[in-house]
Amino acid sequence: MPKLLKYSTTSGGGNTSKKEFISVRVIDIILNNDHPRATSLGGVDAIGTIFYGDISSEKGIDNSETLPTAKPLFSYQKYLPLINEIVLLTEITINKDNKSKEKIKLYLPNINIWNSPHHNAMPLTEYYKNGNKGYSSTQDGVIKNPQDNLLNIPLGKTFQEKDFIKPLRPFEGDNILEGRLGNSIRLGSTSKPLNPWSQNGENSDPIIIIRNGQYNNINDETFNPNIEDINNDDSSIYLTSNQNINNFTPTSKNMQSYGKGMDVPYMSPEDKLINPIEEDLE
């Protein structure tokens, strides 16, 4: 059985009440109005609602019709869990119409099982090759790579696991936002001489790195954190202050057109009638 995490809240009148968080397994989630239970749960207001089950379930559940539901705790930030990820859930009481009270269940983003931004799904017992072997060590955080000792874990209908996705290596003072598929935003700074953008300028000069698509280094089979690679990542934007990106390799070094003026092509009077050009542009 999952352990209850208790915390206390104090109301305006000074009364203290104890709340509880429980850990649950995500079985299904409403992402649009096409979900069979979306309409009955509020239509578009139901988007983000999860159907959950016991964290210690041994087998998967094929039908979520009878499962309890919970909504995201935060409405301003969408960080939706995948199937088989674990979330913390709490219950609050609200005054629905100043006459009746209603209890609603809310959940926090997924719990960190693998220390990976890609996914943190915890397999059911049936997905282990050797029965319950390794289950306790997984709970204790010993097994860090979700590829070890596991079969394929259902994560959703379209989400595909990519075993090369690694977390970003942090530096002092960094604020990093990482997506699940190698897309990230780093609000960082110069940290001499620890990374490619810290060869010039002074320590703590600000930098913002936006990256989409992590480089798949087939020679690196570890799960160690990596650093953005401006030459091999799919695409990126570097907003520098006093840094030079010394390891940048341009696609082309042909600079012959740099600084050149543009010649306006000649057009006959007949062509101008067909394709009129504003005279003010010249």
Protein backbone atom coordinates (compact mmCIF):
# COMPACT_ATOMS: atom_id res chain seq x y z
CA MET A 1 0.00 0.00 0.00
CA PRO A 2 1.29 3.52 -0.73
CA LYS A 3 2.36 5.65 2.19
CA LEU A 4 0.41 8.81 2.96
CA LEU A 5 2.31 12.08 2.99
CA LYS A 6 0.68 14.43 5.45
CA TYR A 7 0.93 18.21 5.63
CA SER A 8 -0.93 20.90 7.57
CA THR A 9 -2.75 23.99 6.30
CA THR A 10 -4.05 26.91 8.33
CA SER A 11 -7.23 28.73 7.36
CA GLY A 12 -7.86 32.44 7.83
CA GLY A 13 -9.55 31.71 11.14
CA GLY A 14 -6.48 29.97 12.49
CA ASN A 15 -7.90 26.47 12.22
CA THR A 16 -5.34 23.86 11.19
CA SER A 17 -6.37 20.88 9.08
CA LYS A 18 -4.28 17.93 7.98
CA LYS A 19 -4.13 17.04 4.29
CA GLU A 20 -2.75 13.92 2.70
CA PHE A 21 -0.97 13.07 -0.51
CA ILE A 22 -1.19 9.56 -1.88
CA SER A 23 0.79 8.08 -4.74
CA VAL A 24 -1.25 6.57 -7.58
CA ARG A 25 -0.58 5.06 -10.99
CA VAL A 26 -1.87 6.80 -14.13
CA ILE A 27 -4.03 4.39 -16.14
CA ASP A 28 -5.55 6.75 -18.70
CA ILE A 29 -5.81 10.50 -19.43
CA ILE A 30 -8.25 12.75 -21.29
CA LEU A 31 -6.44 14.80 -23.95
CA ASN A 32 -9.39 15.88 -26.11
CA ASN A 33 -13.15 15.57 -26.58
CA ASP A 34 -12.76 12.26 -28.41
CA HIS A 35 -12.21 10.41 -25.14
CA PRO A 36 -15.31 8.30 -24.34
CA ARG A 37 -15.69 9.90 -20.90
CA ALA A 38 -14.84 13.48 -21.85
CA THR A 39 -18.44 14.64 -22.29
CA SER A 40 -19.67 13.18 -19.00
CA LEU A 41 -16.78 14.78 -17.12
CA GLY A 42 -17.23 18.29 -18.50
CA GLY A 43 -16.11 18.33 -22.12
CA VAL A 44 -13.11 20.63 -22.65
CA ASP A 45 -12.97 21.21 -18.89
CA ALA A 46 -12.06 17.54 -18.52
CA ILE A 47 -8.84 17.83 -20.55
CA GLY A 48 -5.94 16.75 -18.35
CA THR A 49 -8.13 14.54 -16.16
CA ILE A 50 -6.46 11.25 -15.28
CA PHE A 51 -7.91 7.86 -14.41
CA TYR A 52 -5.80 6.25 -11.73
CA GLY A 53 -5.25 2.97 -9.95
CA ASP A 54 -3.23 1.45 -7.12
CA ILE A 55 0.51 1.95 -7.45
CA SER A 56 1.11 -1.67 -6.47
CA SER A 57 -1.12 -3.18 -9.17
CA GLU A 58 0.34 -6.35 -10.65
CA LYS A 59 -1.51 -6.24 -13.98
CA GLY A 60 -2.70 -3.52 -16.30
CA ILE A 61 -6.31 -2.38 -16.55
CA ASP A 62 -7.89 -2.51 -19.99
CA ASN A 63 -11.02 -0.52 -19.16
CA SER A 64 -10.91 2.81 -17.31
CA GLU A 65 -14.72 3.27 -17.21
CA THR A 66 -15.01 2.52 -13.50
CA LEU A 67 -11.76 4.10 -12.32
CA PRO A 68 -11.64 7.22 -10.13
CA THR A 69 -10.47 10.50 -11.66
CA ALA A 70 -8.38 13.51 -10.70
CA LYS A 71 -7.66 16.88 -12.33
CA PRO A 72 -4.33 18.76 -12.56
CA LEU A 73 -3.55 20.88 -9.51
CA PHE A 74 -2.23 23.74 -11.67
CA SER A 75 -4.28 25.24 -14.51
CA TYR A 76 -1.57 27.59 -15.82
CA GLN A 77 1.06 24.95 -16.56
CA LYS A 78 0.43 21.82 -18.63
CA TYR A 79 2.77 18.99 -17.68
CA LEU A 80 0.64 15.95 -18.37
CA PRO A 81 1.71 12.49 -17.18
CA LEU A 82 2.15 9.43 -19.35
CA ILE A 83 0.48 6.08 -18.75
CA ASN A 84 2.11 4.16 -15.87
CA GLU A 85 3.77 7.24 -14.41
CA ILE A 86 3.22 7.87 -10.70
CA VAL A 87 1.66 11.09 -9.43
CA LEU A 88 0.84 12.52 -6.02
CA LEU A 89 -2.85 13.08 -5.42
CA THR A 90 -4.71 15.09 -2.80
CA GLU A 91 -8.34 15.95 -2.09
CA ILE A 92 -9.81 19.36 -1.30
CA THR A 93 -13.30 20.58 -0.43
CA ILE A 94 -14.79 23.56 -2.27
CA ASN A 95 -18.03 25.50 -1.89
CA LYS A 96 -19.73 24.83 -5.19
CA ASP A 97 -22.60 27.31 -4.97
CA ASN A 98 -22.36 28.69 -1.42
CA LYS A 99 -24.84 26.02 -0.38
CA SER A 100 -23.29 22.64 -1.07
CA LYS A 101 -19.73 21.44 -0.73
CA GLU A 102 -17.92 19.23 -3.19
CA LYS A 103 -14.77 17.18 -2.79
CA ILE A 104 -12.42 17.15 -5.78
CA LYS A 105 -9.20 15.23 -6.32
CA LEU A 106 -6.16 17.01 -7.77
CA TYR A 107 -2.76 15.67 -8.83
CA LEU A 108 0.78 17.01 -9.06
CA PRO A 109 3.18 16.30 -11.99
CA ASN A 110 4.79 12.87 -12.19
CA ILE A 111 7.13 11.65 -9.48
CA ASN A 112 10.83 11.35 -10.27
CA ILE A 113 11.48 7.58 -10.54
CA TRP A 114 14.35 7.43 -13.05
CA ASN A 115 15.69 11.00 -12.75
CA SER A 116 14.94 11.32 -16.46
CA PRO A 117 13.04 14.06 -18.30
CA HIS A 118 11.98 11.49 -20.93
CA HIS A 119 9.60 9.45 -18.79
CA ASN A 120 9.30 8.15 -15.25
CA ALA A 121 6.92 5.25 -15.72
CA MET A 122 7.10 2.53 -13.09
CA PRO A 123 6.48 -0.90 -14.65
CA LEU A 124 3.83 -3.24 -13.41
CA THR A 125 5.01 -6.58 -12.06
CA GLU A 126 3.93 -8.31 -15.27
CA TYR A 127 6.46 -6.29 -17.28
CA TYR A 128 9.49 -7.67 -15.44
CA LYS A 129 11.32 -10.50 -17.12
CA ASN A 130 12.05 -12.24 -13.83
CA GLY A 131 8.82 -11.78 -11.91
CA ASN A 132 9.31 -9.55 -8.87
CA LYS A 133 13.09 -9.55 -9.16
CA GLY A 134 14.40 -5.99 -9.02
CA TYR A 135 11.08 -4.43 -8.00
CA SER A 136 12.24 -3.32 -4.57
CA SER A 137 15.50 -1.96 -5.96
CA THR A 138 13.53 0.03 -8.52
CA GLN A 139 11.47 1.61 -5.75
CA ASP A 140 14.67 2.46 -3.88
CA GLY A 141 16.11 4.18 -6.93
CA VAL A 142 18.97 1.73 -7.44
CA ILE A 143 18.20 0.92 -11.05
CA LYS A 144 18.65 4.19 -12.91
CA ASN A 145 18.20 3.11 -16.51
CA PRO A 146 14.62 2.09 -17.40
CA GLN A 147 16.03 -0.11 -20.16
CA ASP A 148 17.53 -2.55 -17.67
CA ASN A 149 15.58 -5.72 -16.81
CA LEU A 150 12.38 -4.38 -18.34
CA LEU A 151 10.15 -5.19 -21.27
CA ASN A 152 8.30 -2.50 -23.19
CA ILE A 153 6.23 -0.33 -20.86
CA PRO A 154 2.93 1.08 -22.16
CA LEU A 155 3.26 4.88 -22.07
CA GLY A 156 0.36 5.95 -24.30
CA LYS A 157 -1.04 5.61 -27.79
CA THR A 158 1.49 7.74 -29.70
CA PHE A 159 4.39 8.42 -27.32
CA GLN A 160 7.43 6.34 -28.30
CA GLU A 161 10.28 5.69 -25.89
CA LYS A 162 13.70 6.88 -27.12
CA ASP A 163 16.54 5.31 -25.17
CA PHE A 164 19.12 7.98 -26.14
CA ILE A 165 17.36 10.90 -24.40
CA LYS A 166 19.51 12.08 -21.49
CA PRO A 167 19.05 14.87 -18.95
CA LEU A 168 21.00 18.10 -19.34
CA ARG A 169 24.05 18.67 -17.20
CA PRO A 170 23.42 21.64 -14.88
CA PHE A 171 25.90 24.35 -13.92
CA GLU A 172 25.84 26.70 -10.94
CA GLY A 173 22.72 28.84 -10.82
CA ASP A 174 21.05 27.26 -13.87
CA ASN A 175 17.30 27.30 -14.38
CA ILE A 176 16.53 24.49 -16.83
CA LEU A 177 13.24 23.48 -18.40
CA GLU A 178 13.40 20.10 -20.13
CA GLY A 179 10.78 18.49 -22.35
CA ARG A 180 10.49 14.75 -22.80
CA LEU A 181 12.15 14.52 -26.23
CA GLY A 182 15.39 16.47 -26.08
CA ASN A 183 13.78 19.91 -26.27
CA SER A 184 14.98 22.30 -23.58
CA ILE A 185 15.49 25.88 -22.41
CA ARG A 186 18.53 26.70 -20.28
CA LEU A 187 18.66 30.02 -18.40
CA GLY A 188 22.32 29.80 -17.57
CA SER A 189 25.56 31.71 -17.39
CA THR A 190 29.28 31.58 -18.10
CA SER A 191 30.91 28.91 -15.93
CA LYS A 192 34.60 28.87 -16.78
CA PRO A 193 35.92 26.55 -18.16
CA LEU A 194 33.23 23.90 -17.90
CA ASN A 195 31.32 24.22 -21.18
CA PRO A 196 31.74 25.42 -24.80
CA TRP A 197 30.16 28.84 -24.17
CA SER A 198 32.39 29.70 -21.18
CA GLN A 199 35.70 30.34 -22.93
CA ASN A 200 35.18 34.13 -23.06
CA GLY A 201 33.60 36.77 -20.88
CA GLU A 202 33.27 36.63 -17.12
CA ASN A 203 31.68 34.08 -14.82
CA SER A 204 27.93 34.67 -14.37
CA ASP A 205 27.48 36.45 -17.72
CA PRO A 206 23.92 35.43 -18.70
CA ILE A 207 23.07 33.11 -21.59
CA ILE A 208 19.87 31.50 -22.84
CA ILE A 209 20.03 28.29 -24.89
CA ILE A 210 16.90 26.98 -26.62
CA ARG A 211 17.33 23.53 -28.12
CA ASN A 212 14.97 21.27 -30.07
CA GLY A 213 16.15 17.70 -30.63
CA GLN A 214 18.97 16.10 -28.66
CA TYR A 215 21.95 14.67 -30.55
CA ASN A 216 21.93 10.87 -30.57
CA ASN A 217 25.51 9.88 -29.86
CA ILE A 218 25.56 6.17 -30.73
CA ASN A 219 28.99 5.81 -29.10
CA ASP A 220 27.68 6.89 -25.70
CA GLU A 221 25.60 4.14 -24.11
CA THR A 222 25.61 5.69 -20.64
CA PHE A 223 22.80 7.62 -19.03
CA ASN A 224 25.10 10.45 -17.95
CA PRO A 225 23.81 14.04 -18.34
CA ASN A 226 24.98 15.81 -21.48
CA ILE A 227 25.50 19.37 -22.76
CA GLU A 228 23.87 21.08 -25.73
CA ASP A 229 25.75 20.50 -29.00
CA ILE A 230 25.25 23.41 -31.41
CA ASN A 231 26.64 21.42 -34.34
CA ASN A 232 24.72 18.17 -33.88
CA ASP A 233 21.46 19.05 -32.11
CA ASP A 234 18.53 19.27 -34.54
CA SER A 235 18.08 23.03 -34.09
CA SER A 236 18.98 25.63 -31.49
CA ILE A 237 19.01 29.31 -30.60
CA TYR A 238 21.83 30.78 -28.47
CA LEU A 239 21.09 34.19 -26.91
CA THR A 240 24.51 35.29 -25.70
CA SER A 241 25.78 38.32 -23.80
CA ASN A 242 29.60 38.27 -23.71
CA GLN A 243 30.16 34.67 -24.82
CA ASN A 244 31.68 33.35 -28.02
CA ILE A 245 30.48 29.96 -29.27
CA ASN A 246 33.94 28.85 -30.34
CA ASN A 247 32.98 25.32 -31.35
CA PHE A 248 30.33 26.46 -33.85
CA THR A 249 30.78 25.10 -37.38
CA PRO A 250 28.78 27.12 -39.96
CA THR A 251 26.97 25.29 -42.75
CA SER A 252 28.83 27.40 -45.33
CA LYS A 253 31.81 29.74 -45.13
CA ASN A 254 30.99 31.41 -48.45
CA MET A 255 30.72 35.10 -47.47
CA GLN A 256 30.93 36.65 -50.94
CA SER A 257 27.38 38.02 -50.80
CA TYR A 258 27.88 39.66 -47.38
CA GLY A 259 27.52 43.46 -47.64
CA LYS A 260 26.59 43.40 -51.29
CA GLY A 261 23.78 45.61 -52.58
CA MET A 262 20.82 44.23 -54.50
CA ASP A 263 20.36 45.19 -58.13
CA VAL A 264 16.74 45.89 -59.09
CA PRO A 265 15.97 43.88 -62.24
CA TYR A 266 14.97 45.77 -65.37
CA MET A 267 11.30 45.66 -66.25
CA SER A 268 9.82 46.86 -69.51
CA PRO A 269 6.70 49.07 -69.49
CA GLU A 270 4.68 46.05 -70.58
CA ASP A 271 5.99 43.97 -67.65
CA LYS A 272 5.12 46.75 -65.21
CA LEU A 273 1.53 46.69 -66.38
CA ILE A 274 1.38 42.96 -65.67
CA ASN A 275 3.50 43.07 -62.45
CA PRO A 276 3.23 46.63 -61.10
CA ILE A 277 6.01 47.79 -58.76
CA GLU A 278 5.59 50.66 -56.37
CA GLU A 279 7.84 53.46 -57.55
CA ASP A 280 8.46 54.53 -53.96
CA LEU A 281 10.49 51.38 -53.35
CA GLU A 282 13.38 52.68 -55.50
